[in-house]
């Protein structure tokens, strides 16, 4: 009766450690992993479908400047700003985007010292 738990403990002690030495080593991520968003401002048509479908109201449309080839300057348009602190990473914004300009990457670097850094402006998402 006592021997069986001792054997299990001995087996567990002999296994390789399951933790990784962060940040030197990074955990391998699955194919369906969802990380920080990426925005292509040049293909975004400013439809705000991503902001309307977001269940947590994580995405708000803010004014940002985009370089245009036609005007040879910068033009202000509305682009998505994402609050990663509230995001569920449900990928509804990615699914509803008609031009596929908003995608979720496998980037896991959302550890910050200041909460304000969790709000990603359109320029930060490129």
Protein backbone atom coordinates (compact mmCIF):
# COMPACT_ATOMS: atom_id res chain seq x y z
CA UNK A 1 0.00 0.00 0.00
CA UNK A 2 2.81 2.46 0.80
CA UNK A 3 5.12 1.16 -1.93
CA UNK A 4 2.88 2.20 -4.82
CA UNK A 5 2.89 5.97 -3.97
CA UNK A 6 6.66 5.87 -3.33
CA UNK A 7 7.19 4.35 -6.79
CA UNK A 8 5.00 7.07 -8.39
CA UNK A 9 6.98 9.81 -6.61
CA UNK A 10 10.26 8.27 -7.75
CA UNK A 11 9.03 8.15 -11.37
CA UNK A 12 7.94 11.80 -11.21
CA UNK A 13 11.29 12.84 -9.72
CA UNK A 14 13.17 11.21 -12.61
CA UNK A 15 11.20 12.99 -15.37
CA UNK A 16 12.57 15.98 -17.24
CA UNK A 17 11.43 19.35 -15.90
CA UNK A 18 8.34 20.76 -17.62
CA UNK A 19 9.16 24.42 -17.09
CA UNK A 20 11.22 26.54 -19.46
CA UNK A 21 13.85 29.17 -18.69
CA UNK A 22 12.01 32.30 -19.85
CA UNK A 23 13.05 34.50 -21.76
CA UNK A 24 16.00 32.44 -23.02
CA UNK A 25 13.71 29.55 -23.94
CA UNK A 26 10.20 29.94 -25.23
CA UNK A 27 7.40 27.45 -25.11
CA UNK A 28 6.45 25.94 -28.45
CA UNK A 29 3.01 27.11 -29.54
CA UNK A 30 0.32 25.16 -31.35
CA UNK A 31 -0.95 25.98 -34.82
CA UNK A 32 -4.17 27.49 -33.49
CA UNK A 33 -2.50 29.77 -30.92
CA UNK A 34 -3.70 33.39 -30.92
CA UNK A 35 -1.40 36.18 -29.85
CA UNK A 36 -1.04 39.92 -30.42
CA UNK A 37 -2.88 41.44 -33.36
CA UNK A 38 -1.21 42.68 -36.52
CA UNK A 39 -2.76 45.39 -38.69
CA UNK A 40 -1.97 46.26 -42.28
CA UNK A 41 -2.98 49.93 -42.46
CA UNK A 42 -2.63 50.04 -46.25
CA UNK A 43 -5.30 47.41 -46.89
CA UNK A 44 -7.66 48.49 -44.08
CA UNK A 45 -10.83 50.04 -45.51
CA UNK A 46 -11.86 51.58 -42.17
CA UNK A 47 -15.19 49.72 -42.05
CA UNK A 48 -15.05 49.29 -38.22
CA UNK A 49 -16.54 45.79 -38.46
CA UNK A 50 -13.89 44.57 -36.02
CA UNK A 51 -14.94 47.15 -33.42
CA UNK A 52 -18.63 46.31 -33.81
CA UNK A 53 -18.21 42.54 -33.43
CA UNK A 54 -15.82 42.58 -30.46
CA UNK A 55 -17.68 41.08 -27.46
CA UNK A 56 -15.61 42.99 -24.86
CA UNK A 57 -15.51 46.35 -26.68
CA UNK A 58 -11.75 45.88 -26.80
CA UNK A 59 -11.41 47.54 -30.20
CA UNK A 60 -12.11 51.22 -30.66
CA UNK A 61 -11.66 53.20 -33.84
CA UNK A 62 -9.18 56.06 -33.46
CA UNK A 63 -7.77 58.57 -35.88
CA UNK A 64 -4.32 57.77 -37.22
CA UNK A 65 -2.27 58.99 -40.13
CA UNK A 66 -1.53 56.75 -43.07
CA UNK A 67 0.93 57.44 -45.86
CA UNK A 68 -0.83 57.54 -49.19
CA UNK A 69 0.71 57.16 -52.61
CA UNK A 70 -1.92 59.32 -54.28
CA UNK A 71 -1.52 62.46 -52.18
CA UNK A 72 2.21 61.98 -51.50
CA UNK A 73 1.64 62.75 -47.86
CA UNK A 74 -0.26 61.57 -44.83
CA UNK A 75 -4.01 61.28 -44.52
CA UNK A 76 -5.94 60.86 -41.25
CA UNK A 77 -8.38 57.93 -41.14
CA UNK A 78 -10.01 55.79 -38.47
CA UNK A 79 -8.13 52.61 -37.60
CA UNK A 80 -8.59 50.00 -34.84
CA UNK A 81 -6.90 50.51 -31.48
CA UNK A 82 -6.78 47.35 -29.36
CA UNK A 83 -6.69 47.06 -25.58
CA UNK A 84 -4.84 43.76 -25.02
CA UNK A 85 -5.74 43.83 -21.34
CA UNK A 86 -9.41 43.29 -22.15
CA UNK A 87 -8.99 41.11 -25.25
CA UNK A 88 -10.30 37.53 -25.15
CA UNK A 89 -8.28 36.58 -28.26
CA UNK A 90 -11.46 35.05 -29.68
CA UNK A 91 -10.46 36.01 -33.27
CA UNK A 92 -13.91 37.33 -34.20
CA UNK A 93 -12.26 40.53 -35.42
CA UNK A 94 -10.02 38.49 -37.71
CA UNK A 95 -12.96 36.50 -39.08
CA UNK A 96 -15.14 39.52 -39.83
CA UNK A 97 -12.44 41.62 -41.52
CA UNK A 98 -13.34 41.81 -45.24
CA UNK A 99 -9.80 42.60 -46.41
CA UNK A 100 -7.94 40.34 -43.93
CA UNK A 101 -5.88 43.30 -42.76
CA UNK A 102 -6.31 42.43 -39.06
CA UNK A 103 -4.83 39.08 -38.02
CA UNK A 104 -3.76 37.45 -34.77
CA UNK A 105 -0.10 36.45 -34.68
CA UNK A 106 1.76 34.02 -32.43
CA UNK A 107 3.58 36.87 -30.67
CA UNK A 108 3.47 36.33 -26.90
CA UNK A 109 5.33 39.43 -25.76
CA UNK A 110 2.59 41.22 -23.88
CA UNK A 111 4.31 41.52 -20.52
CA UNK A 112 4.49 45.22 -19.64
CA UNK A 113 5.34 47.31 -16.58
CA UNK A 114 2.69 49.93 -17.29
CA UNK A 115 -0.96 49.16 -18.05
CA UNK A 116 -1.08 51.94 -20.62
CA UNK A 117 1.36 49.96 -22.77
CA UNK A 118 -1.32 47.28 -23.20
CA UNK A 119 -3.32 49.63 -25.44
CA UNK A 120 -1.95 49.21 -28.94
CA UNK A 121 -2.40 52.09 -31.35
CA UNK A 122 -2.73 51.33 -35.07
CA UNK A 123 0.89 52.35 -35.66
CA UNK A 124 2.02 49.84 -32.99
CA UNK A 125 0.12 46.98 -34.64
CA UNK A 126 1.99 47.15 -37.95
